[in-house]
Amino acid sequence: MDEQEIQKLVARQRRCFRSGSTLSYKNRMAALTRLERLVTEHENEIQDALRLDLGKSAAESYMCETGLLLNEIHYLKHHLRLWMQDRIVPTPLAQFCSTSYRKPSPYGVTLIMSPWNYPLLLTLEPLADALAAGNTAILKPSAYSIHTSRLMERLIPTYFPASRVAVVTGGRAENAALLEQHFDYIFFTGSKSVGRFVMEKAAAHLTPVTLELGGKSPCIVDRTADIHAAARRIVFGKFLNCGQTCVAPDYILCDIRVKNRLIEELIRQIRAQLGERPLENENYGHIINEKHFLRILNLMNPAKTVFGGRTDAEALKIEPTILDRVSWRDDVMQEEIFGPLLPILTYDSIDEVIRTINEKPHPLALYVFTRNRKLASRVLTRCSFGGGCVNDTIIHLATPYMGFGGFGESGMGSYHGKAGFETFSHRKSIVDKKNWPDLPMRYQPYTEGKRRLVKMFLR
């Protein structure tokens, strides 16, 4: 789609929004139901596309993509009527005989730009929030997840008119053309470098944005931790989707006194969960493309590999790999890994950990494994990060009851559940004033008596 076609598409959606057709509760519920049907009626096709793009099994596809999406839609439908209502707030005495309230209203025409690692979920979950809030949406899925992107491009028009929801596929040229348009809200999930570009382009139109980025998310293992449970949950969170998860534990900060025990248990858990030969496990995914496959290989140091390290270039698979004796000078610590490499660093004191984390760019997630509740509280209070877990990994994003989002270099804004509805809604502040009485003290001419009355009312 060229720039002229994109301009016409944005204009078409703006006409749709200005007609008021997206605003009613009935229309929003119908849109959410259509989105729900799209997923349930084409679940097998979705699974096939995700397997082709990322090697995801049917179980992982449902657990991490379609199931989470359906859960979000169900939650939105259940709460939508309540969230759409005006919210009455107190009225100050100076505005006597008025009603004050906040009115949630959609922004208008929105742009949702999504990544390739969870190509269905991270495209259609923000779409569900945008539709619940009463917006139109243009979706721009990643060019890397080609099969899932093409499937959405084919399915969306059978459930929605282009004036309400449309898909634009392609690469950098299409991204650039879209970002030249005047949208009312932009929701972007992806890398920091592209996020900066999106924010720069949005600034030209003063368009508000949500940025869901990433970063090197630390996983702290305290000496009091349950090592078996910690290793089991770290292995699950790290090697899910072959490590291509924005909130995956990027590296471990381990108390030096339990490092050897932890490594032994991590190896045991990799074998228990993924088998003796993970490269032959049909439920273990693959890297998205050759570019990222080679990038990850360049981060791997054979001299520091204590487990794994084998690869299958034809299948784009990399074995779960543990790296020991890693320092911040190593290549693997210079960027977000986004792959199945797990470096282990050690520490002597928790003060050292807190200082180290806060000296780095704010991560999207942080995990701490410990039985010491005071230590956990200290880490969560003192460290700056988007969200996280105590004694688990990644599950904090799998709930509609809390907002999910980044902080600082890992992003801005949040979504999921009510937070998603609010992200795509502007809350108008309204005062509904009665015609009588009309207090004269605010009108000129101002006298000493009026001044005293104003001071009395504004105390």
Protein backbone atom coordinates (compact mmCIF):
# COMPACT_ATOMS: atom_id res chain seq x y z
CA MET A 1 0.00 0.00 0.00
CA ASP A 2 1.51 3.33 -1.06
CA GLU A 3 1.34 6.62 0.81
CA GLN A 4 -1.63 7.90 -1.16
CA GLU A 5 -3.68 4.78 -0.37
CA ILE A 6 -2.71 5.09 3.29
CA GLN A 7 -3.86 8.73 3.31
CA LYS A 8 -7.23 7.67 1.88
CA LEU A 9 -7.53 4.90 4.47
CA VAL A 10 -6.87 7.28 7.36
CA ALA A 11 -9.39 9.77 5.94
CA ARG A 12 -11.97 6.98 5.59
CA GLN A 13 -11.52 5.95 9.21
CA ARG A 14 -11.76 9.57 10.36
CA ARG A 15 -15.09 9.94 8.57
CA CYS A 16 -16.28 6.75 10.26
CA PHE A 17 -15.29 8.00 13.70
CA ARG A 18 -16.79 11.44 13.19
CA SER A 19 -20.09 9.84 12.18
CA GLY A 20 -20.44 8.65 15.78
CA SER A 21 -21.02 5.04 14.76
CA THR A 22 -18.28 3.66 17.02
CA LEU A 23 -19.48 5.28 20.24
CA SER A 24 -22.43 3.26 21.49
CA TYR A 25 -22.15 0.37 23.94
CA LYS A 26 -23.98 -1.86 21.45
CA ASN A 27 -21.51 -1.10 18.66
CA ARG A 28 -18.47 -1.63 20.87
CA MET A 29 -19.79 -4.96 22.15
CA ALA A 30 -20.52 -6.07 18.59
CA ALA A 31 -16.96 -5.21 17.55
CA LEU A 32 -15.50 -7.21 20.46
CA THR A 33 -17.75 -10.16 19.57
CA ARG A 34 -16.57 -10.06 15.96
CA LEU A 35 -12.95 -10.06 17.12
CA GLU A 36 -13.68 -12.99 19.42
CA ARG A 37 -15.26 -14.90 16.53
CA LEU A 38 -12.27 -14.20 14.31
CA VAL A 39 -10.04 -15.96 16.83
CA THR A 40 -12.30 -18.90 17.72
CA GLU A 41 -13.39 -19.63 14.15
CA HIS A 42 -9.85 -19.63 12.79
CA GLU A 43 -7.87 -21.07 15.69
CA ASN A 44 -6.32 -23.86 13.59
CA GLU A 45 -5.16 -21.40 10.91
CA ILE A 46 -3.68 -19.17 13.60
CA GLN A 47 -1.78 -22.12 15.08
CA ASP A 48 -0.43 -23.06 11.66
CA ALA A 49 0.77 -19.49 11.01
CA LEU A 50 2.46 -19.24 14.40
CA ARG A 51 4.19 -22.57 13.87
CA LEU A 52 5.50 -21.45 10.48
CA ASP A 53 6.73 -18.10 11.82
CA LEU A 54 8.19 -19.17 15.17
CA GLY A 55 7.85 -22.94 15.53
CA LYS A 56 5.22 -22.56 18.28
CA SER A 57 3.35 -25.66 19.36
CA ALA A 58 -0.45 -25.69 19.56
CA ALA A 59 -0.25 -25.64 23.36
CA GLU A 60 2.12 -22.66 23.43
CA SER A 61 0.08 -20.82 20.79
CA TYR A 62 -3.04 -21.07 22.91
CA MET A 63 -1.34 -20.43 26.26
CA CYS A 64 0.61 -17.38 25.09
CA GLU A 65 -1.43 -15.93 22.22
CA THR A 66 -5.01 -16.97 21.47
CA GLY A 67 -5.93 -17.91 25.05
CA LEU A 68 -4.63 -14.65 26.51
CA LEU A 69 -6.38 -12.68 23.77
CA LEU A 70 -9.73 -14.39 24.38
CA ASN A 71 -9.35 -13.81 28.12
CA GLU A 72 -8.79 -10.09 27.47
CA ILE A 73 -11.86 -9.88 25.24
CA HIS A 74 -14.05 -11.67 27.80
CA TYR A 75 -12.86 -9.31 30.54
CA LEU A 76 -13.53 -6.23 28.41
CA LYS A 77 -17.04 -7.38 27.53
CA HIS A 78 -17.85 -8.14 31.15
CA HIS A 79 -16.78 -4.70 32.42
CA LEU A 80 -17.38 -2.42 29.44
CA ARG A 81 -20.76 -0.99 30.46
CA LEU A 82 -19.40 0.09 33.85
CA TRP A 83 -16.22 1.61 32.40
CA MET A 84 -18.18 3.64 29.83
CA GLN A 85 -20.24 5.39 32.49
CA ASP A 86 -19.51 8.95 33.54
CA ARG A 87 -17.77 9.02 36.91
CA ILE A 88 -19.15 11.54 39.37
CA VAL A 89 -16.52 13.37 41.43
CA PRO A 90 -16.89 15.88 44.32
CA THR A 91 -17.73 19.50 43.49
CA PRO A 92 -16.05 22.33 45.44
CA LEU A 93 -18.25 24.72 47.41
CA ALA A 94 -17.34 27.61 45.07
CA GLN A 95 -19.16 25.71 42.27
CA PHE A 96 -22.31 25.22 44.34
CA CYS A 97 -25.30 23.74 42.49
CA SER A 98 -23.09 21.88 39.98
CA THR A 99 -22.37 18.26 39.15
CA SER A 100 -18.78 17.36 38.29
CA TYR A 101 -17.88 14.21 36.40
CA ARG A 102 -15.25 12.58 34.21
CA LYS A 103 -16.42 11.31 30.84
CA PRO A 104 -14.38 8.60 29.06
CA SER A 105 -14.21 9.30 25.34
CA PRO A 106 -12.32 7.60 22.51
CA TYR A 107 -9.38 9.36 20.90
CA GLY A 108 -10.47 8.63 17.33
CA VAL A 109 -8.28 7.09 14.64
CA THR A 110 -5.54 4.94 16.18
CA LEU A 111 -2.43 3.24 14.82
CA ILE A 112 -1.28 -0.04 16.35
CA MET A 113 2.22 -1.18 15.36
CA SER A 114 3.14 -4.66 16.57
CA PRO A 115 6.27 -6.88 16.70
CA TRP A 116 7.00 -10.36 15.39
CA ASN A 117 7.62 -12.36 18.59
CA TYR A 118 3.96 -12.65 19.65
CA PRO A 119 2.48 -11.48 16.38
CA LEU A 120 -1.18 -12.28 17.03
CA LEU A 121 -1.45 -11.32 20.70
CA LEU A 122 0.50 -8.07 20.46
CA THR A 123 -1.57 -6.94 17.48
CA LEU A 124 -5.08 -7.96 18.47
CA GLU A 125 -4.95 -7.39 22.24
CA PRO A 126 -4.36 -3.63 21.90
CA LEU A 127 -6.95 -3.72 19.11
CA ALA A 128 -9.49 -5.17 21.56
CA ASP A 129 -8.74 -2.33 23.99
CA ALA A 130 -9.04 0.27 21.21
CA LEU A 131 -12.39 -1.12 20.06
CA ALA A 132 -13.73 -1.28 23.61
CA ALA A 133 -12.84 2.39 24.01
CA GLY A 134 -14.74 3.26 20.79
CA ASN A 135 -11.88 3.98 18.37
CA THR A 136 -11.12 2.94 14.83
CA ALA A 137 -7.76 1.25 14.23
CA ILE A 138 -5.16 0.68 11.55
CA LEU A 139 -2.97 -2.33 12.31
CA LYS A 140 0.64 -2.56 11.15
CA PRO A 141 1.99 -6.03 11.97
CA SER A 142 5.64 -6.93 11.56
CA ALA A 143 7.03 -7.91 8.18
CA TYR A 144 9.13 -10.63 9.88
CA SER A 145 6.17 -12.73 11.07
CA ILE A 146 4.99 -13.01 7.51
CA HIS A 147 2.51 -15.89 7.84
CA THR A 148 0.64 -14.45 10.82
CA SER A 149 0.64 -10.97 9.30
CA ARG A 150 -0.78 -12.26 6.02
CA LEU A 151 -3.42 -14.25 7.90
CA MET A 152 -4.58 -11.15 9.76
CA GLU A 153 -4.54 -9.19 6.51
CA ARG A 154 -6.86 -11.81 5.02
CA LEU A 155 -9.17 -12.32 8.00
CA ILE A 156 -9.71 -8.79 9.33
CA PRO A 157 -11.68 -7.59 6.26
CA THR A 158 -14.10 -10.51 6.61
CA TYR A 159 -15.08 -9.34 10.12
CA PHE A 160 -14.62 -5.55 9.98
CA PRO A 161 -15.10 -2.84 7.35
CA ALA A 162 -11.88 -1.03 6.52
CA SER A 163 -13.41 2.14 7.90
CA ARG A 164 -13.35 0.53 11.38
CA VAL A 165 -10.34 -1.81 11.34
CA ALA A 166 -7.76 -2.19 8.57
CA VAL A 167 -4.42 -3.97 8.17
CA VAL A 168 -1.41 -2.48 6.38
CA THR A 169 1.40 -4.95 5.70
CA GLY A 170 4.90 -4.28 4.46
CA GLY A 171 8.19 -3.06 5.81
CA ARG A 172 10.01 0.19 6.46
CA ALA A 173 8.40 2.09 3.60
CA GLU A 174 4.91 1.37 4.88
CA ASN A 175 5.96 2.18 8.47
CA ALA A 176 7.34 5.53 7.34
CA ALA A 177 4.24 6.34 5.26
CA LEU A 178 1.93 5.53 8.19
CA LEU A 179 3.92 7.66 10.61
CA GLU A 180 3.61 10.68 8.31
CA GLN A 181 -0.16 10.61 8.87
CA HIS A 182 -2.04 12.43 11.60
CA PHE A 183 -3.36 9.80 14.01
CA ASP A 184 -5.17 10.55 17.25
CA TYR A 185 -3.23 7.88 19.16
CA ILE A 186 -0.28 5.59 18.37
CA PHE A 187 0.37 2.32 20.19
CA PHE A 188 3.76 0.80 19.41
CA THR A 189 5.37 -2.44 20.59
CA GLY A 190 8.93 -3.16 19.48
CA SER A 191 12.54 -2.12 19.80
CA LYS A 192 13.90 1.02 21.47
CA SER A 193 15.41 2.33 18.25
CA VAL A 194 12.13 2.17 16.34
CA GLY A 195 10.27 3.43 19.42
CA ARG A 196 12.36 6.61 19.36
CA PHE A 197 11.54 7.08 15.67
CA VAL A 198 7.82 6.58 16.35
CA MET A 199 7.89 9.14 19.15
CA GLU A 200 9.75 11.62 16.97
CA LYS A 201 7.17 11.31 14.19
CA ALA A 202 4.25 11.47 16.62
CA ALA A 203 5.64 14.73 18.02
CA ALA A 204 5.09 16.45 14.66
CA HIS A 205 1.32 16.13 15.21
CA LEU A 206 1.48 16.19 19.03
CA THR A 207 0.00 12.69 18.93
CA PRO A 208 -0.01 10.82 22.28
CA VAL A 209 1.77 7.47 22.28
CA THR A 210 2.14 4.28 24.23
CA LEU A 211 5.54 2.62 23.78
CA GLU A 212 5.98 -1.02 24.82
CA LEU A 213 9.71 -1.62 24.43
CA GLY A 214 12.10 -4.01 26.18
CA GLY A 215 15.51 -4.14 27.79
CA LYS A 216 17.71 -6.43 29.82
CA SER A 217 15.38 -7.77 32.50
CA PRO A 218 17.32 -9.04 35.55
CA CYS A 219 16.50 -12.17 37.53
CA ILE A 220 17.86 -12.08 41.09
CA VAL A 221 18.39 -15.36 42.93
CA ASP A 222 18.98 -14.85 46.64
CA ARG A 223 20.76 -17.42 48.80
CA THR A 224 17.47 -18.14 50.63
CA ALA A 225 15.60 -18.99 47.41
CA ASP A 226 14.00 -22.37 46.77
CA ILE A 227 16.56 -23.35 44.12
CA HIS A 228 14.42 -26.11 42.60
CA ALA A 229 11.37 -23.86 42.13
CA ALA A 230 13.53 -20.95 40.97
CA ALA A 231 15.29 -23.00 38.29
CA ARG A 232 12.04 -24.56 37.09
CA ARG A 233 10.34 -21.19 36.66
CA ILE A 234 13.37 -19.44 35.20
CA VAL A 235 13.76 -22.16 32.56
CA PHE A 236 10.08 -21.83 31.65
CA GLY A 237 10.20 -18.04 31.37
CA LYS A 238 13.56 -17.81 29.64
CA PHE A 239 13.16 -20.47 26.96
CA LEU A 240 9.47 -19.95 26.19
CA ASN A 241 9.22 -18.93 22.52
CA CYS A 242 12.92 -19.78 22.23
CA GLY A 243 13.81 -16.81 24.43
CA GLN A 244 12.06 -14.32 22.13
CA THR A 245 9.93 -12.71 24.82
CA CYS A 246 10.27 -9.06 25.82
CA VAL A 247 9.85 -9.89 29.53
CA ALA A 248 12.00 -13.03 29.54
CA PRO A 249 14.74 -13.09 32.22
CA ASP A 250 17.62 -11.63 30.24
CA TYR A 251 20.31 -12.57 32.77
CA ILE A 252 20.64 -13.96 36.30
CA LEU A 253 22.18 -12.11 39.21
CA CYS A 254 22.92 -14.94 41.63
CA ASP A 255 24.24 -14.89 45.18
CA ILE A 256 27.71 -16.38 44.76
CA ARG A 257 27.04 -18.86 47.57
CA VAL A 258 24.31 -20.69 45.61
CA LYS A 259 25.56 -20.29 42.03
CA ASN A 260 26.78 -23.86 41.54
CA ARG A 261 23.57 -25.35 42.95
CA LEU A 262 21.53 -23.10 40.69
CA ILE A 263 23.46 -24.05 37.55
CA GLU A 264 23.04 -27.76 38.34
CA GLU A 265 19.30 -27.31 38.82
CA LEU A 266 18.92 -25.16 35.70
CA ILE A 267 20.55 -27.94 33.63
CA ARG A 268 18.30 -30.52 35.27
CA GLN A 269 15.22 -28.43 34.50
CA ILE A 270 16.17 -27.83 30.86
CA ARG A 271 16.45 -31.58 30.38
CA ALA A 272 13.20 -32.22 32.27
CA GLN A 273 11.19 -29.63 30.34
CA LEU A 274 12.77 -29.71 26.88
CA GLY A 275 14.41 -33.14 26.75
CA GLU A 276 17.96 -34.36 26.31
CA ARG A 277 17.95 -33.07 22.72
CA PRO A 278 16.00 -29.79 22.65
CA LEU A 279 16.86 -29.21 18.98
CA GLU A 280 14.80 -32.29 18.15
CA ASN A 281 11.87 -31.28 20.36
CA GLU A 282 9.01 -30.34 18.04
CA ASN A 283 7.47 -28.17 20.78
CA TYR A 284 10.62 -26.05 21.11
CA GLY A 285 10.43 -23.04 18.82
CA HIS A 286 12.93 -21.49 16.45
CA ILE A 287 14.46 -18.07 15.86
CA ILE A 288 12.36 -15.79 13.65
CA ASN A 289 14.89 -15.45 10.81
CA GLU A 290 18.54 -15.85 9.80
CA LYS A 291 19.44 -12.26 10.72
CA HIS A 292 18.47 -12.77 14.35
CA PHE A 293 19.89 -16.30 14.39
CA LEU A 294 23.32 -14.97 13.43
CA ARG A 295 23.03 -12.04 15.85
CA ILE A 296 22.44 -14.43 18.77
CA LEU A 297 25.30 -16.70 17.70
CA ASN A 298 27.63 -13.70 17.84
CA LEU A 299 26.67 -13.19 21.50
CA MET A 300 27.59 -16.74 22.45
CA ASN A 301 31.05 -17.29 23.94
CA PRO A 302 32.05 -21.00 23.78
CA ALA A 303 34.67 -20.47 26.49
CA LYS A 304 31.94 -19.47 28.93
CA THR A 305 29.30 -21.99 27.84
CA VAL A 306 28.65 -24.52 30.60
CA PHE A 307 25.58 -26.09 28.99
CA GLY A 308 24.05 -26.18 25.53
CA GLY A 309 25.47 -24.19 22.66
CA ARG A 310 24.48 -26.52 19.83
CA THR A 311 22.62 -25.07 16.84
CA ASP A 312 20.71 -26.10 13.74
CA ALA A 313 21.21 -23.40 11.13
CA GLU A 314 18.76 -24.94 8.65
CA ALA A 315 15.94 -25.02 11.22
CA LEU A 316 17.06 -21.72 12.83
CA LYS A 317 17.23 -23.44 16.22
CA ILE A 318 19.58 -22.68 19.10
CA GLU A 319 19.80 -24.98 22.08
CA PRO A 320 19.05 -23.54 25.55
CA THR A 321 22.47 -22.28 26.58
CA ILE A 322 23.86 -21.33 29.99
CA LEU A 323 26.87 -18.99 30.21
CA ASP A 324 28.94 -18.77 33.40
CA ARG A 325 31.71 -16.40 34.58
CA VAL A 326 30.06 -13.59 32.64
CA SER A 327 30.92 -9.94 33.25
CA TRP A 328 29.33 -6.70 32.09
CA ARG A 329 32.12 -6.38 29.50
CA ASP A 330 30.98 -9.47 27.59
CA ASP A 331 29.12 -9.02 24.29
CA VAL A 332 26.09 -10.84 25.65
CA MET A 333 25.63 -8.10 28.26
CA GLN A 334 25.76 -5.20 25.79
CA GLU A 335 22.26 -5.65 24.35
CA GLU A 336 18.94 -7.35 24.99
CA ILE A 337 19.55 -11.01 24.11
CA PHE A 338 16.08 -11.94 22.83
CA GLY A 339 17.13 -15.55 22.40
CA PRO A 340 17.89 -18.74 24.37
CA LEU A 341 21.14 -17.63 26.01
CA LEU A 342 21.15 -17.32 29.80
CA PRO A 343 24.20 -15.53 31.28
CA ILE A 344 24.87 -15.86 35.01
CA LEU A 345 26.54 -13.11 37.01
CA THR A 346 27.19 -13.26 40.75
CA TYR A 347 27.00 -10.84 43.66
CA ASP A 348 28.03 -10.67 47.30
CA SER A 349 25.46 -8.22 48.69
CA ILE A 350 21.98 -7.08 47.73
CA ASP A 351 23.13 -3.44 47.92
CA GLU A 352 25.50 -4.26 45.06
CA VAL A 353 22.58 -5.67 43.04
CA ILE A 354 20.36 -2.63 43.62
CA ARG A 355 23.15 -0.24 42.68
CA THR A 356 23.99 -2.21 39.52
CA ILE A 357 20.38 -2.40 38.30
CA ASN A 358 19.75 1.29 38.90
CA GLU A 359 22.90 2.26 37.00
CA LYS A 360 21.56 0.50 33.90
CA PRO A 361 18.64 1.54 31.64
CA HIS A 362 15.31 0.78 33.35
CA PRO A 363 14.30 -2.80 32.44
CA LEU A 364 10.82 -3.84 31.37
CA ALA A 365 10.72 -6.59 34.01
CA LEU A 366 12.50 -7.65 37.18
CA TYR A 367 12.33 -10.98 39.00
CA VAL A 368 13.53 -11.86 42.47
CA PHE A 369 13.63 -15.34 43.99
CA THR A 370 13.89 -15.34 47.76
CA ARG A 371 12.26 -16.50 50.97
CA ASN A 372 13.28 -13.24 52.63
CA ARG A 373 10.24 -10.96 52.36
CA LYS A 374 12.15 -7.91 53.60
CA LEU A 375 14.78 -8.42 50.90
CA ALA A 376 12.10 -8.77 48.22
CA SER A 377 10.38 -5.60 49.41
CA ARG A 378 13.67 -3.73 49.41
CA VAL A 379 14.48 -4.73 45.84
CA LEU A 380 10.99 -3.92 44.58
CA THR A 381 11.03 -0.54 46.32
CA ARG A 382 14.55 0.57 45.47
CA CYS A 383 14.86 -0.65 41.86
CA SER A 384 13.21 1.06 38.89
CA PHE A 385 11.50 -1.23 36.37
CA GLY A 386 8.20 -1.80 34.55
CA GLY A 387 6.75 -4.79 36.42
CA GLY A 388 7.74 -8.23 37.59
CA CYS A 389 7.33 -11.15 39.98
CA VAL A 390 8.54 -12.47 43.29
CA ASN A 391 9.41 -16.19 43.00
CA ASP A 392 8.21 -16.52 39.40
CA THR A 393 8.76 -15.13 35.90
CA ILE A 394 6.66 -13.45 33.17
CA ILE A 395 3.21 -14.28 34.64
CA HIS A 396 2.59 -10.67 35.69
CA LEU A 397 1.60 -9.86 32.11
CA ALA A 398 -0.95 -12.69 31.90
CA THR A 399 -3.73 -10.93 33.82
CA PRO A 400 -6.36 -8.35 32.89
CA TYR A 401 -6.48 -7.13 36.49
CA MET A 402 -3.22 -5.15 36.28
CA GLY A 403 -1.79 -2.85 33.68
CA PHE A 404 1.32 -4.01 31.85
CA GLY A 405 3.91 -1.59 30.56
CA GLY A 406 7.42 -0.22 30.67
CA PHE A 407 9.17 2.59 32.47
CA GLY A 408 11.84 4.97 31.21
CA GLU A 409 13.93 3.26 28.52
CA SER A 410 11.61 0.23 28.53
CA GLY A 411 8.58 2.24 27.46
CA MET A 412 5.71 4.44 28.61
CA GLY A 413 2.05 3.78 29.25
CA SER A 414 0.32 0.47 29.94
CA TYR A 415 -2.53 -1.74 28.80
CA HIS A 416 -4.47 -4.96 29.62
CA GLY A 417 -7.97 -4.88 31.09
CA LYS A 418 -9.12 -1.54 32.48
CA ALA A 419 -5.66 -0.05 31.89
CA GLY A 420 -6.08 -0.84 28.18
CA PHE A 421 -9.51 0.79 28.03
CA GLU A 422 -8.11 3.87 29.76
CA THR A 423 -5.06 4.00 27.49
CA PHE A 424 -7.30 4.37 24.43
CA SER A 425 -9.71 6.80 26.17
CA HIS A 426 -9.45 10.49 26.89
CA ARG A 427 -11.22 11.42 30.13
CA LYS A 428 -13.06 14.72 29.70
CA SER A 429 -13.58 16.72 32.90
CA ILE A 430 -17.08 18.24 32.91
CA VAL A 431 -18.91 20.61 35.27
CA ASP A 432 -22.69 20.67 34.75
CA LYS A 433 -23.84 23.94 36.36
CA LYS A 434 -27.43 24.89 37.21
CA ASN A 435 -28.74 28.26 36.05
CA TRP A 436 -29.62 29.25 39.60
CA PRO A 437 -28.23 30.39 41.98
CA ASP A 438 -25.56 32.46 40.24
CA LEU A 439 -23.15 33.75 42.89
CA PRO A 440 -22.15 37.34 42.06
CA MET A 441 -18.74 37.31 43.73
CA ARG A 442 -16.85 36.16 40.59
CA TYR A 443 -18.16 38.99 38.44
CA GLN A 444 -16.74 42.51 38.21
CA PRO A 445 -16.76 45.03 39.67
CA TYR A 446 -14.66 43.45 42.43
CA THR A 447 -15.21 44.86 45.93
CA GLU A 448 -13.63 44.17 49.30
CA GLY A 449 -16.75 42.27 50.29
CA LYS A 450 -16.50 40.01 47.20
CA ARG A 451 -12.79 39.45 47.92
CA ARG A 452 -13.58 38.23 51.43
CA LEU A 453 -16.29 35.89 50.07
CA VAL A 454 -13.87 34.44 47.50
CA LYS A 455 -11.30 33.79 50.24
CA MET A 456 -13.97 32.08 52.33
CA PHE A 457 -15.10 29.78 49.51
CA LEU A 458 -11.59 28.87 48.37
CA ARG A 459 -10.19 27.89 51.76
